[in-house]
Each structure stands twice: as structure tokens, then as C-alpha cells.
PDB file of all heavy atoms in Angstrom:
ATOM      1  N   GLU A   1      76.520 114.659 105.114  1.00  0.00           N
ATOM      2  CA  GLU A   1      76.589 113.525 104.212  1.00  0.00           C
ATOM      3  C   GLU A   1      75.348 113.525 103.263  1.00  0.00           C
ATOM      4  O   GLU A   1      75.487 113.316 102.074  1.00  0.00           O
ATOM      5  CB  GLU A   1      76.601 112.183 104.990  1.00  0.00           C
ATOM      6  CG  GLU A   1      76.793 110.981 104.068  1.00  0.00           C
ATOM      7  CD  GLU A   1      76.993 109.684 104.838  1.00  0.00           C
ATOM      8  OE1 GLU A   1      76.990 109.763 106.092  1.00  0.00           O
ATOM      9  OE2 GLU A   1      77.151 108.612 104.178  1.00  0.00           O
ATOM     10  N   LYS A   2      74.246 113.837 103.830  1.00  0.00           N
ATOM     11  CA  LYS A   2      73.030 113.947 103.019  1.00  0.00           C
ATOM     12  C   LYS A   2      73.125 115.007 101.943  1.00  0.00           C
ATOM     13  O   LYS A   2      72.638 114.858 100.851  1.00  0.00           O
ATOM     14  CB  LYS A   2      71.827 114.237 103.930  1.00  0.00           C
ATOM     15  CG  LYS A   2      70.471 114.339 103.202  1.00  0.00           C
ATOM     16  CD  LYS A   2      69.387 114.625 104.221  1.00  0.00           C
ATOM     17  CE  LYS A   2      68.041 114.789 103.515  1.00  0.00           C
ATOM     18  NZ  LYS A   2      66.943 115.089 104.449  1.00  0.00           N
ATOM     19  N   ASN A   3      73.767 116.098 102.319  1.00  0.00           N
ATOM     20  CA  ASN A   3      73.944 117.254 101.367  1.00  0.00           C
ATOM     21  C   ASN A   3      75.252 117.217 100.608  1.00  0.00           C
ATOM     22  O   ASN A   3      75.563 118.180  99.871  1.00  0.00           O
ATOM     23  CB  ASN A   3      73.813 118.562 102.143  1.00  0.00           C
ATOM     24  CG  ASN A   3      72.406 118.761 102.695  1.00  0.00           C
ATOM     25  OD1 ASN A   3      71.390 118.542 102.027  1.00  0.00           O
ATOM     26  ND2 ASN A   3      72.341 119.183 103.966  1.00  0.00           N
ATOM     27  N   SER A   4      76.039 116.149 100.734  1.00  0.00           N
ATOM     28  CA  SER A   4      77.282 115.931 100.035  1.00  0.00           C
ATOM     29  C   SER A   4      78.244 117.133 100.285  1.00  0.00           C
ATOM     30  O   SER A   4      78.819 117.729  99.354  1.00  0.00           O
ATOM     31  CB  SER A   4      77.026 115.765  98.563  1.00  0.00           C
ATOM     32  OG  SER A   4      76.266 114.654  98.295  1.00  0.00           O
ATOM     33  N   ARG A   5      78.441 117.488 101.548  1.00  0.00           N
ATOM     34  CA  ARG A   5      79.300 118.604 101.914  1.00  0.00           C
ATOM     35  C   ARG A   5      80.352 118.111 102.924  1.00  0.00           C
ATOM     36  O   ARG A   5      80.100 117.198 103.747  1.00  0.00           O
ATOM     37  CB  ARG A   5      78.529 119.762 102.498  1.00  0.00           C
ATOM     38  CG  ARG A   5      77.649 120.414 101.422  1.00  0.00           C
ATOM     39  CD  ARG A   5      76.709 121.435 101.981  1.00  0.00           C
ATOM     40  NE  ARG A   5      75.882 121.984 100.887  1.00  0.00           N
ATOM     41  CZ  ARG A   5      74.710 122.634 101.108  1.00  0.00           C
ATOM     42  NH1 ARG A   5      74.239 122.746 102.272  1.00  0.00           N
ATOM     43  NH2 ARG A   5      74.054 123.114 100.051  1.00  0.00           N
ATOM     44  N   PRO A   6      81.574 118.735 102.912  1.00  0.00           N
ATOM     45  CA  PRO A   6      82.651 118.291 103.790  1.00  0.00           C
ATOM     46  C   PRO A   6      82.562 118.811 105.213  1.00  0.00           C
ATOM     47  O   PRO A   6      81.891 119.776 105.508  1.00  0.00           O
ATOM     48  CB  PRO A   6      83.850 118.854 103.087  1.00  0.00           C
ATOM     49  CG  PRO A   6      83.353 120.132 102.463  1.00  0.00           C
ATOM     50  CD  PRO A   6      81.962 119.830 102.038  1.00  0.00           C
ATOM     51  N   VAL A   7      83.235 118.094 106.060  1.00  0.00           N
ATOM     52  CA  VAL A   7      83.325 118.402 107.505  1.00  0.00           C
ATOM     53  C   VAL A   7      84.838 118.426 107.899  1.00  0.00           C
ATOM     54  O   VAL A   7      85.574 117.570 107.476  1.00  0.00           O
ATOM     55  CB  VAL A   7      82.563 117.404 108.330  1.00  0.00           C
ATOM     56  CG1 VAL A   7      82.554 117.869 109.826  1.00  0.00           C
ATOM     57  CG2 VAL A   7      81.142 117.194 107.873  1.00  0.00           C
ATOM     58  N   TYR A   8      85.206 119.406 108.691  1.00  0.00           N
ATOM     59  CA  TYR A   8      86.635 119.591 109.108  1.00  0.00           C
ATOM     60  C   TYR A   8      86.741 119.617 110.617  1.00  0.00           C
ATOM     61  O   TYR A   8      85.807 119.981 111.345  1.00  0.00           O
ATOM     62  CB  TYR A   8      87.157 120.892 108.529  1.00  0.00           C
ATOM     63  CG  TYR A   8      87.217 120.969 107.024  1.00  0.00           C
ATOM     64  CD1 TYR A   8      86.065 121.266 106.275  1.00  0.00           C
ATOM     65  CD2 TYR A   8      88.357 120.672 106.359  1.00  0.00           C
ATOM     66  CE1 TYR A   8      86.073 121.278 104.892  1.00  0.00           C
ATOM     67  CE2 TYR A   8      88.414 120.697 104.966  1.00  0.00           C
ATOM     68  CZ  TYR A   8      87.265 120.968 104.252  1.00  0.00           C
ATOM     69  OH  TYR A   8      87.297 121.010 102.841  1.00  0.00           O
ATOM     70  N   LEU A   9      87.968 119.317 111.077  1.00  0.00           N
ATOM     71  CA  LEU A   9      88.237 119.406 112.466  1.00  0.00           C
ATOM     72  C   LEU A   9      89.758 119.423 112.645  1.00  0.00           C
ATOM     73  O   LEU A   9      90.516 119.061 111.713  1.00  0.00           O
ATOM     74  CB  LEU A   9      87.623 118.287 113.334  1.00  0.00           C
ATOM     75  CG  LEU A   9      88.015 116.811 113.035  1.00  0.00           C
ATOM     76  CD1 LEU A   9      89.315 116.421 113.728  1.00  0.00           C
ATOM     77  CD2 LEU A   9      86.916 115.872 113.480  1.00  0.00           C
ATOM     78  N   GLU A  10      90.220 119.809 113.847  1.00  0.00           N
ATOM     79  CA  GLU A  10      91.633 119.762 114.232  1.00  0.00           C
ATOM     80  C   GLU A  10      91.699 119.150 115.586  1.00  0.00           C
ATOM     81  O   GLU A  10      90.830 119.367 116.445  1.00  0.00           O
ATOM     82  CB  GLU A  10      92.279 121.155 114.253  1.00  0.00           C
ATOM     83  CG  GLU A  10      92.189 121.947 112.957  1.00  0.00           C
ATOM     84  CD  GLU A  10      90.922 122.723 112.830  1.00  0.00           C
ATOM     85  OE1 GLU A  10      90.527 123.375 113.825  1.00  0.00           O
ATOM     86  OE2 GLU A  10      90.274 122.607 111.772  1.00  0.00           O
ATOM     87  N   THR A  11      92.815 118.421 115.866  1.00  0.00           N
ATOM     88  CA  THR A  11      93.038 117.923 117.194  1.00  0.00           C
ATOM     89  C   THR A  11      94.597 117.789 117.444  1.00  0.00           C
ATOM     90  O   THR A  11      95.335 117.488 116.523  1.00  0.00           O
ATOM     91  CB  THR A  11      92.386 116.531 117.427  1.00  0.00           C
ATOM     92  OG1 THR A  11      92.640 116.140 118.720  1.00  0.00           O
ATOM     93  CG2 THR A  11      92.892 115.518 116.413  1.00  0.00           C
ATOM     94  N   ALA A  12      94.995 118.057 118.705  1.00  0.00           N
ATOM     95  CA  ALA A  12      96.379 117.907 119.098  1.00  0.00           C
ATOM     96  C   ALA A  12      96.518 116.642 119.861  1.00  0.00           C
ATOM     97  O   ALA A  12      97.663 116.308 120.350  1.00  0.00           O
ATOM     98  CB  ALA A  12      96.840 119.080 119.923  1.00  0.00           C
ATOM     99  N   ASN A  13      95.463 115.882 120.006  1.00  0.00           N
ATOM    100  CA  ASN A  13      95.485 114.588 120.815  1.00  0.00           C
ATOM    101  C   ASN A  13      95.506 113.434 119.850  1.00  0.00           C
ATOM    102  O   ASN A  13      94.454 113.147 119.185  1.00  0.00           O
ATOM    103  CB  ASN A  13      94.265 114.576 121.704  1.00  0.00           C
ATOM    104  CG  ASN A  13      94.352 113.454 122.715  1.00  0.00           C
ATOM    105  OD1 ASN A  13      94.930 112.393 122.473  1.00  0.00           O
ATOM    106  ND2 ASN A  13      93.710 113.657 123.880  1.00  0.00           N
ATOM    107  N   ILE A  14      96.632 112.689 119.834  1.00  0.00           N
ATOM    108  CA  ILE A  14      96.694 111.591 118.902  1.00  0.00           C
ATOM    109  C   ILE A  14      95.677 110.497 119.178  1.00  0.00           C
ATOM    110  O   ILE A  14      95.190 109.785 118.294  1.00  0.00           O
ATOM    111  CB  ILE A  14      98.130 110.972 118.927  1.00  0.00           C
ATOM    112  CG1 ILE A  14      98.339 109.958 117.821  1.00  0.00           C
ATOM    113  CG2 ILE A  14      98.411 110.346 120.300  1.00  0.00           C
ATOM    114  CD1 ILE A  14      98.218 110.513 116.398  1.00  0.00           C
ATOM    115  N   LYS A  15      95.214 110.360 120.453  1.00  0.00           N
ATOM    116  CA  LYS A  15      94.203 109.366 120.764  1.00  0.00           C
ATOM    117  C   LYS A  15      92.892 109.720 120.077  1.00  0.00           C
ATOM    118  O   LYS A  15      92.149 108.852 119.641  1.00  0.00           O
ATOM    119  CB  LYS A  15      94.016 109.334 122.292  1.00  0.00           C
ATOM    120  CG  LYS A  15      95.162 108.752 123.042  1.00  0.00           C
ATOM    121  CD  LYS A  15      94.870 108.720 124.582  1.00  0.00           C
ATOM    122  CE  LYS A  15      96.028 108.135 125.345  1.00  0.00           C
ATOM    123  NZ  LYS A  15      95.764 108.122 126.800  1.00  0.00           N
ATOM    124  N   ASN A  16      92.620 111.012 119.960  1.00  0.00           N
ATOM    125  CA  ASN A  16      91.390 111.454 119.276  1.00  0.00           C
ATOM    126  C   ASN A  16      91.445 111.216 117.822  1.00  0.00           C
ATOM    127  O   ASN A  16      90.395 111.007 117.163  1.00  0.00           O
ATOM    128  CB  ASN A  16      91.108 112.925 119.531  1.00  0.00           C
ATOM    129  CG  ASN A  16      90.739 113.194 120.962  1.00  0.00           C
ATOM    130  OD1 ASN A  16      90.364 112.354 121.700  1.00  0.00           O
ATOM    131  ND2 ASN A  16      90.860 114.456 121.385  1.00  0.00           N
ATOM    132  N   VAL A  17      92.619 111.193 117.227  1.00  0.00           N
ATOM    133  CA  VAL A  17      92.794 110.945 115.778  1.00  0.00           C
ATOM    134  C   VAL A  17      92.119 109.635 115.429  1.00  0.00           C
ATOM    135  O   VAL A  17      91.374 109.503 114.419  1.00  0.00           O
ATOM    136  CB  VAL A  17      94.218 110.966 115.404  1.00  0.00           C
ATOM    137  CG1 VAL A  17      94.427 110.406 113.959  1.00  0.00           C
ATOM    138  CG2 VAL A  17      94.850 112.389 115.453  1.00  0.00           C
ATOM    139  N   HIS A  18      92.368 108.576 116.198  1.00  0.00           N
ATOM    140  CA  HIS A  18      91.837 107.258 115.922  1.00  0.00           C
ATOM    141  C   HIS A  18      90.336 107.219 116.090  1.00  0.00           C
ATOM    142  O   HIS A  18      89.639 106.513 115.351  1.00  0.00           O
ATOM    143  CB  HIS A  18      92.500 106.239 116.838  1.00  0.00           C
ATOM    144  CG  HIS A  18      93.997 106.201 116.748  1.00  0.00           C
ATOM    145  ND1 HIS A  18      94.624 105.814 115.594  1.00  0.00           N
ATOM    146  CD2 HIS A  18      94.999 106.457 117.628  1.00  0.00           C
ATOM    147  CE1 HIS A  18      95.930 105.846 115.740  1.00  0.00           C
ATOM    148  NE2 HIS A  18      96.182 106.262 116.961  1.00  0.00           N
ATOM    149  N   ILE A  19      89.796 108.003 116.999  1.00  0.00           N
ATOM    150  CA  ILE A  19      88.332 108.107 117.150  1.00  0.00           C
ATOM    151  C   ILE A  19      87.712 108.730 115.911  1.00  0.00           C
ATOM    152  O   ILE A  19      86.704 108.248 115.346  1.00  0.00           O
ATOM    153  CB  ILE A  19      87.991 108.934 118.376  1.00  0.00           C
ATOM    154  CG1 ILE A  19      88.455 108.213 119.666  1.00  0.00           C
ATOM    155  CG2 ILE A  19      86.499 109.213 118.481  1.00  0.00           C
ATOM    156  CD1 ILE A  19      88.331 108.995 120.941  1.00  0.00           C
ATOM    157  N   TYR A  20      88.350 109.824 115.438  1.00  0.00           N
ATOM    158  CA  TYR A  20      87.788 110.491 114.285  1.00  0.00           C
ATOM    159  C   TYR A  20      87.937 109.669 112.981  1.00  0.00           C
ATOM    160  O   TYR A  20      87.105 109.774 112.092  1.00  0.00           O
ATOM    161  CB  TYR A  20      88.506 111.861 114.097  1.00  0.00           C
ATOM    162  CG  TYR A  20      88.221 112.808 115.214  1.00  0.00           C
ATOM    163  CD1 TYR A  20      89.263 113.583 115.806  1.00  0.00           C
ATOM    164  CD2 TYR A  20      86.943 112.946 115.790  1.00  0.00           C
ATOM    165  CE1 TYR A  20      88.981 114.430 116.861  1.00  0.00           C
ATOM    166  CE2 TYR A  20      86.695 113.839 116.810  1.00  0.00           C
ATOM    167  CZ  TYR A  20      87.707 114.547 117.361  1.00  0.00           C
ATOM    168  OH  TYR A  20      87.488 115.420 118.420  1.00  0.00           O
ATOM    169  N   ILE A  21      88.998 108.902 112.901  1.00  0.00           N
ATOM    170  CA  ILE A  21      89.144 108.006 111.738  1.00  0.00           C
ATOM    171  C   ILE A  21      87.977 107.019 111.632  1.00  0.00           C
ATOM    172  O   ILE A  21      87.466 106.740 110.545  1.00  0.00           O
ATOM    173  CB  ILE A  21      90.520 107.247 111.785  1.00  0.00           C
ATOM    174  CG1 ILE A  21      91.646 108.233 111.473  1.00  0.00           C
ATOM    175  CG2 ILE A  21      90.524 106.077 110.821  1.00  0.00           C
ATOM    176  CD1 ILE A  21      93.073 107.681 111.663  1.00  0.00           C
ATOM    177  N   LYS A  22      87.520 106.551 112.804  1.00  0.00           N
ATOM    178  CA  LYS A  22      86.399 105.615 112.798  1.00  0.00           C
ATOM    179  C   LYS A  22      85.112 106.310 112.321  1.00  0.00           C
ATOM    180  O   LYS A  22      84.168 105.650 111.929  1.00  0.00           O
ATOM    181  CB  LYS A  22      86.228 105.104 114.272  1.00  0.00           C
ATOM    182  CG  LYS A  22      87.317 104.132 114.666  1.00  0.00           C
ATOM    183  CD  LYS A  22      87.045 103.641 116.082  1.00  0.00           C
ATOM    184  CE  LYS A  22      88.148 102.649 116.582  1.00  0.00           C
ATOM    185  NZ  LYS A  22      87.930 102.171 117.968  1.00  0.00           N
ATOM    186  N   LYS A  23      85.074 107.629 112.492  1.00  0.00           N
ATOM    187  CA  LYS A  23      83.888 108.371 112.029  1.00  0.00           C
ATOM    188  C   LYS A  23      83.980 108.780 110.587  1.00  0.00           C
ATOM    189  O   LYS A  23      83.166 109.481 110.015  1.00  0.00           O
ATOM    190  CB  LYS A  23      83.735 109.626 112.893  1.00  0.00           C
ATOM    191  CG  LYS A  23      83.488 109.390 114.360  1.00  0.00           C
ATOM    192  CD  LYS A  23      82.132 108.684 114.639  1.00  0.00           C
ATOM    193  CE  LYS A  23      80.979 109.591 114.487  1.00  0.00           C
ATOM    194  NZ  LYS A  23      79.712 108.945 114.875  1.00  0.00           N
ATOM    195  N   GLY A  24      85.070 108.389 109.899  1.00  0.00           N
ATOM    196  CA  GLY A  24      85.218 108.645 108.491  1.00  0.00           C
ATOM    197  C   GLY A  24      86.155 109.745 108.130  1.00  0.00           C
ATOM    198  O   GLY A  24      86.271 110.118 106.943  1.00  0.00           O
ATOM    199  N   PHE A  25      86.838 110.361 109.135  1.00  0.00           N
ATOM    200  CA  PHE A  25      87.782 111.407 108.851  1.00  0.00           C
ATOM    201  C   PHE A  25      89.165 110.894 108.464  1.00  0.00           C
ATOM    202  O   PHE A  25      89.517 109.747 108.795  1.00  0.00           O
ATOM    203  CB  PHE A  25      87.956 112.329 110.096  1.00  0.00           C
ATOM    204  CG  PHE A  25      86.774 113.144 110.397  1.00  0.00           C
ATOM    205  CD1 PHE A  25      85.660 112.685 111.101  1.00  0.00           C
ATOM    206  CD2 PHE A  25      86.719 114.495 109.928  1.00  0.00           C
ATOM    207  CE1 PHE A  25      84.590 113.512 111.344  1.00  0.00           C
ATOM    208  CE2 PHE A  25      85.703 115.317 110.223  1.00  0.00           C
ATOM    209  CZ  PHE A  25      84.568 114.788 110.915  1.00  0.00           C
ATOM    210  N   LYS A  26      89.896 111.722 107.682  1.00  0.00           N
ATOM    211  CA  LYS A  26      91.247 111.427 107.307  1.00  0.00           C
ATOM    212  C   LYS A  26      92.164 112.631 107.562  1.00  0.00           C
ATOM    213  O   LYS A  26      91.717 113.761 107.423  1.00  0.00           O
ATOM    214  CB  LYS A  26      91.326 110.990 105.819  1.00  0.00           C
ATOM    215  CG  LYS A  26      90.590 109.678 105.500  1.00  0.00           C
ATOM    216  CD  LYS A  26      90.666 109.373 104.038  1.00  0.00           C
ATOM    217  CE  LYS A  26      90.049 108.057 103.689  1.00  0.00           C
ATOM    218  NZ  LYS A  26      90.123 107.736 102.280  1.00  0.00           N
ATOM    219  N   ILE A  27      93.424 112.349 107.955  1.00  0.00           N
ATOM    220  CA  ILE A  27      94.359 113.438 108.114  1.00  0.00           C
ATOM    221  C   ILE A  27      94.781 113.950 106.765  1.00  0.00           C
ATOM    222  O   ILE A  27      95.103 113.141 105.880  1.00  0.00           O
ATOM    223  CB  ILE A  27      95.593 112.916 108.914  1.00  0.00           C
ATOM    224  CG1 ILE A  27      95.227 112.487 110.307  1.00  0.00           C
ATOM    225  CG2 ILE A  27      96.667 114.036 108.936  1.00  0.00           C
ATOM    226  CD1 ILE A  27      96.406 111.859 111.067  1.00  0.00           C
ATOM    227  N   TYR A  28      94.774 115.278 106.522  1.00  0.00           N
ATOM    228  CA  TYR A  28      95.193 115.793 105.264  1.00  0.00           C
ATOM    229  C   TYR A  28      96.281 116.861 105.445  1.00  0.00           C
ATOM    230  O   TYR A  28      96.877 117.323 104.420  1.00  0.00           O
ATOM    231  CB  TYR A  28      94.008 116.404 104.483  1.00  0.00           C
ATOM    232  CG  TYR A  28      93.406 117.593 105.082  1.00  0.00           C
ATOM    233  CD1 TYR A  28      93.718 118.862 104.624  1.00  0.00           C
ATOM    234  CD2 TYR A  28      92.464 117.513 106.130  1.00  0.00           C
ATOM    235  CE1 TYR A  28      93.162 119.992 105.136  1.00  0.00           C
ATOM    236  CE2 TYR A  28      91.900 118.633 106.661  1.00  0.00           C
ATOM    237  CZ  TYR A  28      92.235 119.848 106.203  1.00  0.00           C
ATOM    238  OH  TYR A  28      91.696 121.009 106.726  1.00  0.00           O
ATOM    239  N   ASN A  29      96.571 117.280 106.690  1.00  0.00           N
ATOM    240  CA  ASN A  29      97.641 118.230 106.882  1.00  0.00           C
ATOM    241  C   ASN A  29      98.035 118.264 108.349  1.00  0.00           C
ATOM    242  O   ASN A  29      97.259 117.729 109.198  1.00  0.00           O
ATOM    243  CB  ASN A  29      97.208 119.655 106.474  1.00  0.00           C
ATOM    244  CG  ASN A  29      98.409 120.506 106.065  1.00  0.00           C
ATOM    245  OD1 ASN A  29      99.579 120.151 106.307  1.00  0.00           O
ATOM    246  ND2 ASN A  29      98.147 121.621 105.399  1.00  0.00           N
ATOM    247  N   LYS A  30      99.131 118.849 108.679  1.00  0.00           N
ATOM    248  CA  LYS A  30      99.567 118.975 110.140  1.00  0.00           C
ATOM    249  C   LYS A  30     100.191 120.396 110.259  1.00  0.00           C
ATOM    250  O   LYS A  30     100.795 120.943 109.349  1.00  0.00           O
ATOM    251  CB  LYS A  30     100.606 117.936 110.476  1.00  0.00           C
ATOM    252  CG  LYS A  30      99.995 116.571 110.754  1.00  0.00           C
ATOM    253  CD  LYS A  30     100.941 115.654 111.501  1.00  0.00           C
ATOM    254  CE  LYS A  30     102.227 115.338 110.699  1.00  0.00           C
ATOM    255  NZ  LYS A  30     103.034 114.314 111.477  1.00  0.00           N
ATOM    256  N   TRP A  31      99.999 120.914 111.477  1.00  0.00           N
ATOM    257  CA  TRP A  31     100.625 122.191 111.841  1.00  0.00           C
ATOM    258  C   TRP A  31     101.561 121.862 113.008  1.00  0.00           C
ATOM    259  O   TRP A  31     101.092 121.427 114.048  1.00  0.00           O
ATOM    260  CB  TRP A  31      99.520 123.196 112.241  1.00  0.00           C
ATOM    261  CG  TRP A  31      99.996 124.591 112.500  1.00  0.00           C
ATOM    262  CD1 TRP A  31     100.353 125.538 111.541  1.00  0.00           C
ATOM    263  CD2 TRP A  31     100.164 125.247 113.760  1.00  0.00           C
ATOM    264  NE1 TRP A  31     100.695 126.703 112.154  1.00  0.00           N
ATOM    265  CE2 TRP A  31     100.574 126.568 113.500  1.00  0.00           C
ATOM    266  CE3 TRP A  31      99.960 124.851 115.057  1.00  0.00           C
ATOM    267  CZ2 TRP A  31     100.809 127.496 114.488  1.00  0.00           C
ATOM    268  CZ3 TRP A  31     100.214 125.772 116.115  1.00  0.00           C
ATOM    269  CH2 TRP A  31     100.627 127.051 115.818  1.00  0.00           C
TER     270      TRP A  31
END
């Protein structure tokens, strides 16, 4: 955030999706 650069992750656990949303992540694709 300090360096204005993006962060990525993947998860197959829907429960974790909500945790990551709270950290500022958004879903942008699905496999």
C-alpha cells in the first residue's frame, strides 16, 4: 500500500473469501 502496488491471492474456500474482503481484496476472476 505504501508503494502503491497490487497484491494477489487465490482461495478455494468460500469462508476465506469473506476474510480477504475485509482486508480490502475483491474477486476479479474464477477458475
